[in-house]
Each structure stands twice: as C-alpha cells, then as structure tokens.
Amino acid sequence: MNILKPLSNAIYLSTTGNTVSNATLVYISSHTQHAIITLANSSGANQSSIFLPNPNYILVEKQPSDLLSANSSSDVYATKIAYRG
C-alpha cells in the first residue's frame, strides 16, 4: 500500500512559480483541464515540463527552492507531501 502524508495545505498552482512550501516532494492534481506543469530553478530558468491530463495526478520530486507552475488558469492544485510505498 502507498501512503501519502500531506505536509501543507493544498495551493492553487498558477502561472507564477511557487516553491510549494519549500517542498522536495509535491502531489499535483488536475481536475477540469489538461495542464503543462513546469519546473524552474530558484532563478526562474525553466528546467523541464510535463503534460498532466485531467483528471489525474503526479508526484514531482524537486529541490526546496525550485519553482512549480501551471501553463494556464486551469484547476491545478499542489500539496507538499511525504511518501511511503
């Protein structure tokens, strides 16, 4: 059984980069639209992106200062988590 432990409140992921409470592991879910999730370094330089179909979720591992954003004002939420699989 996989266990996800929330470590922060869910936040709306917008086009502005967010550290998601300085998370190293983030649960991201999309509810009404497809989205492109972008990972940028602390300077804002894009490092990678991934397509997130809806409804769906992904887990993203990142550095605490890395920024996550969504490509549009879609219904995308992010939560800092711990994981045990």
C-alpha atoms as a PDB file:
ATOM      1  CA  MET A   1       0.000   0.000   0.000  1.00  0.00           C
ATOM      2  CA  ASN A   2       1.234   3.510  -0.842  1.00  0.00           C
ATOM      3  CA  ILE A   3       0.870   6.199   1.793  1.00  0.00           C
ATOM      4  CA  LEU A   4       0.902   9.939   1.093  1.00  0.00           C
ATOM      5  CA  LYS A   5       1.226  12.252   4.087  1.00  0.00           C
ATOM      6  CA  PRO A   6       0.186  15.888   3.487  1.00  0.00           C
ATOM      7  CA  LEU A   7       2.705  18.335   4.971  1.00  0.00           C
ATOM      8  CA  SER A   8       0.968  21.561   3.894  1.00  0.00           C
ATOM      9  CA  ASN A   9      -2.378  22.865   2.721  1.00  0.00           C
ATOM     10  CA  ALA A  10      -3.207  22.475  -0.959  1.00  0.00           C
ATOM     11  CA  ILE A  11      -2.446  25.576  -3.014  1.00  0.00           C
ATOM     12  CA  TYR A  12      -3.662  26.699  -6.415  1.00  0.00           C
ATOM     13  CA  LEU A  13      -0.811  26.295  -8.913  1.00  0.00           C
ATOM     14  CA  SER A  14      -0.823  29.282 -11.270  1.00  0.00           C
ATOM     15  CA  THR A  15       1.453  30.647 -13.998  1.00  0.00           C
ATOM     16  CA  THR A  16       3.629  32.239 -11.297  1.00  0.00           C
ATOM     17  CA  GLY A  17       6.298  29.866  -9.928  1.00  0.00           C
ATOM     18  CA  ASN A  18       5.842  28.585  -6.377  1.00  0.00           C
ATOM     19  CA  THR A  19       8.106  26.503  -4.096  1.00  0.00           C
ATOM     20  CA  VAL A  20       5.018  24.815  -2.576  1.00  0.00           C
ATOM     21  CA  SER A  21       6.211  25.419   0.996  1.00  0.00           C
ATOM     22  CA  ASN A  22       9.814  24.591   0.028  1.00  0.00           C
ATOM     23  CA  ALA A  23       8.769  21.019  -0.732  1.00  0.00           C
ATOM     24  CA  THR A  24      11.049  18.281  -2.022  1.00  0.00           C
ATOM     25  CA  LEU A  25       8.078  16.071  -2.976  1.00  0.00           C
ATOM     26  CA  VAL A  26       4.824  17.520  -4.348  1.00  0.00           C
ATOM     27  CA  TYR A  27       1.440  15.961  -5.138  1.00  0.00           C
ATOM     28  CA  ILE A  28      -0.099  17.805  -8.116  1.00  0.00           C
ATOM     29  CA  SER A  29      -3.655  17.183  -9.294  1.00  0.00           C
ATOM     30  CA  SER A  30      -5.702  18.482 -12.207  1.00  0.00           C
ATOM     31  CA  HIS A  31      -9.488  18.377 -12.067  1.00  0.00           C
ATOM     32  CA  THR A  32     -11.123  20.130 -15.020  1.00  0.00           C
ATOM     33  CA  GLN A  33      -8.481  20.816 -17.697  1.00  0.00           C
ATOM     34  CA  HIS A  34      -5.268  19.395 -19.083  1.00  0.00           C
ATOM     35  CA  ALA A  35      -2.196  21.309 -17.887  1.00  0.00           C
ATOM     36  CA  ILE A  36       1.508  21.613 -18.520  1.00  0.00           C
ATOM     37  CA  ILE A  37       3.462  21.661 -15.272  1.00  0.00           C
ATOM     38  CA  THR A  38       6.800  23.469 -15.428  1.00  0.00           C
ATOM     39  CA  LEU A  39       9.744  23.051 -13.065  1.00  0.00           C
ATOM     40  CA  ALA A  40      12.128  26.007 -12.822  1.00  0.00           C
ATOM     41  CA  ASN A  41      15.179  26.651 -10.681  1.00  0.00           C
ATOM     42  CA  SER A  42      15.217  29.326  -7.975  1.00  0.00           C
ATOM     43  CA  SER A  43      16.261  31.930 -10.588  1.00  0.00           C
ATOM     44  CA  GLY A  44      13.167  31.137 -12.658  1.00  0.00           C
ATOM     45  CA  ALA A  45      15.007  29.371 -15.506  1.00  0.00           C
ATOM     46  CA  ASN A  46      12.847  26.520 -16.833  1.00  0.00           C
ATOM     47  CA  GLN A  47      14.386  23.075 -16.328  1.00  0.00           C
ATOM     48  CA  SER A  48      11.615  20.768 -17.530  1.00  0.00           C
ATOM     49  CA  SER A  49       7.893  20.373 -18.057  1.00  0.00           C
ATOM     50  CA  ILE A  50       5.341  17.583 -18.116  1.00  0.00           C
ATOM     51  CA  PHE A  51       1.827  17.225 -19.556  1.00  0.00           C
ATOM     52  CA  LEU A  52      -0.844  16.435 -16.959  1.00  0.00           C
ATOM     53  CA  PRO A  53      -4.132  15.152 -18.411  1.00  0.00           C
ATOM     54  CA  ASN A  54      -7.290  15.576 -16.379  1.00  0.00           C
ATOM     55  CA  PRO A  55      -8.492  14.221 -14.093  1.00  0.00           C
ATOM     56  CA  ASN A  56      -5.160  12.954 -12.925  1.00  0.00           C
ATOM     57  CA  TYR A  57      -2.279  13.462 -10.515  1.00  0.00           C
ATOM     58  CA  ILE A  58       1.511  13.250 -10.485  1.00  0.00           C
ATOM     59  CA  LEU A  59       4.243  13.280  -7.858  1.00  0.00           C
ATOM     60  CA  VAL A  60       7.142  15.653  -8.525  1.00  0.00           C
ATOM     61  CA  GLU A  61      10.497  15.462  -6.762  1.00  0.00           C
ATOM     62  CA  LYS A  62      12.387  18.754  -6.659  1.00  0.00           C
ATOM     63  CA  GLN A  63      14.833  20.899  -4.702  1.00  0.00           C
ATOM     64  CA  PRO A  64      13.259  23.042  -1.926  1.00  0.00           C
ATOM     65  CA  SER A  65      13.981  26.286  -3.819  1.00  0.00           C
ATOM     66  CA  ASP A  66      12.747  25.017  -7.219  1.00  0.00           C
ATOM     67  CA  LEU A  67       9.554  26.582  -8.554  1.00  0.00           C
ATOM     68  CA  LEU A  68       6.492  24.845  -9.976  1.00  0.00           C
ATOM     69  CA  SER A  69       3.869  26.466 -12.196  1.00  0.00           C
ATOM     70  CA  ALA A  70       0.945  25.513 -14.445  1.00  0.00           C
ATOM     71  CA  ASN A  71       0.554  26.828 -18.001  1.00  0.00           C
ATOM     72  CA  SER A  72      -2.895  28.334 -17.583  1.00  0.00           C
ATOM     73  CA  SER A  73      -5.502  29.265 -15.074  1.00  0.00           C
ATOM     74  CA  SER A  74      -6.596  25.641 -15.033  1.00  0.00           C
ATOM     75  CA  ASP A  75      -7.822  23.836 -11.961  1.00  0.00           C
ATOM     76  CA  VAL A  76      -4.414  22.586 -10.756  1.00  0.00           C
ATOM     77  CA  TYR A  77      -3.522  22.146  -7.083  1.00  0.00           C
ATOM     78  CA  ALA A  78      -0.244  21.264  -5.355  1.00  0.00           C
ATOM     79  CA  THR A  79       0.491  19.920  -1.879  1.00  0.00           C
ATOM     80  CA  LYS A  80       3.799  19.290  -0.112  1.00  0.00           C
ATOM     81  CA  ILE A  81       3.864  15.603   0.878  1.00  0.00           C
ATOM     82  CA  ALA A  82       5.877  12.748   2.310  1.00  0.00           C
ATOM     83  CA  TYR A  83       5.609   9.326   0.638  1.00  0.00           C
ATOM     84  CA  ARG A  84       5.961   5.763   1.817  1.00  0.00           C
ATOM     85  CA  GLY A  85       5.473   2.985  -0.724  1.00  0.00           C
END
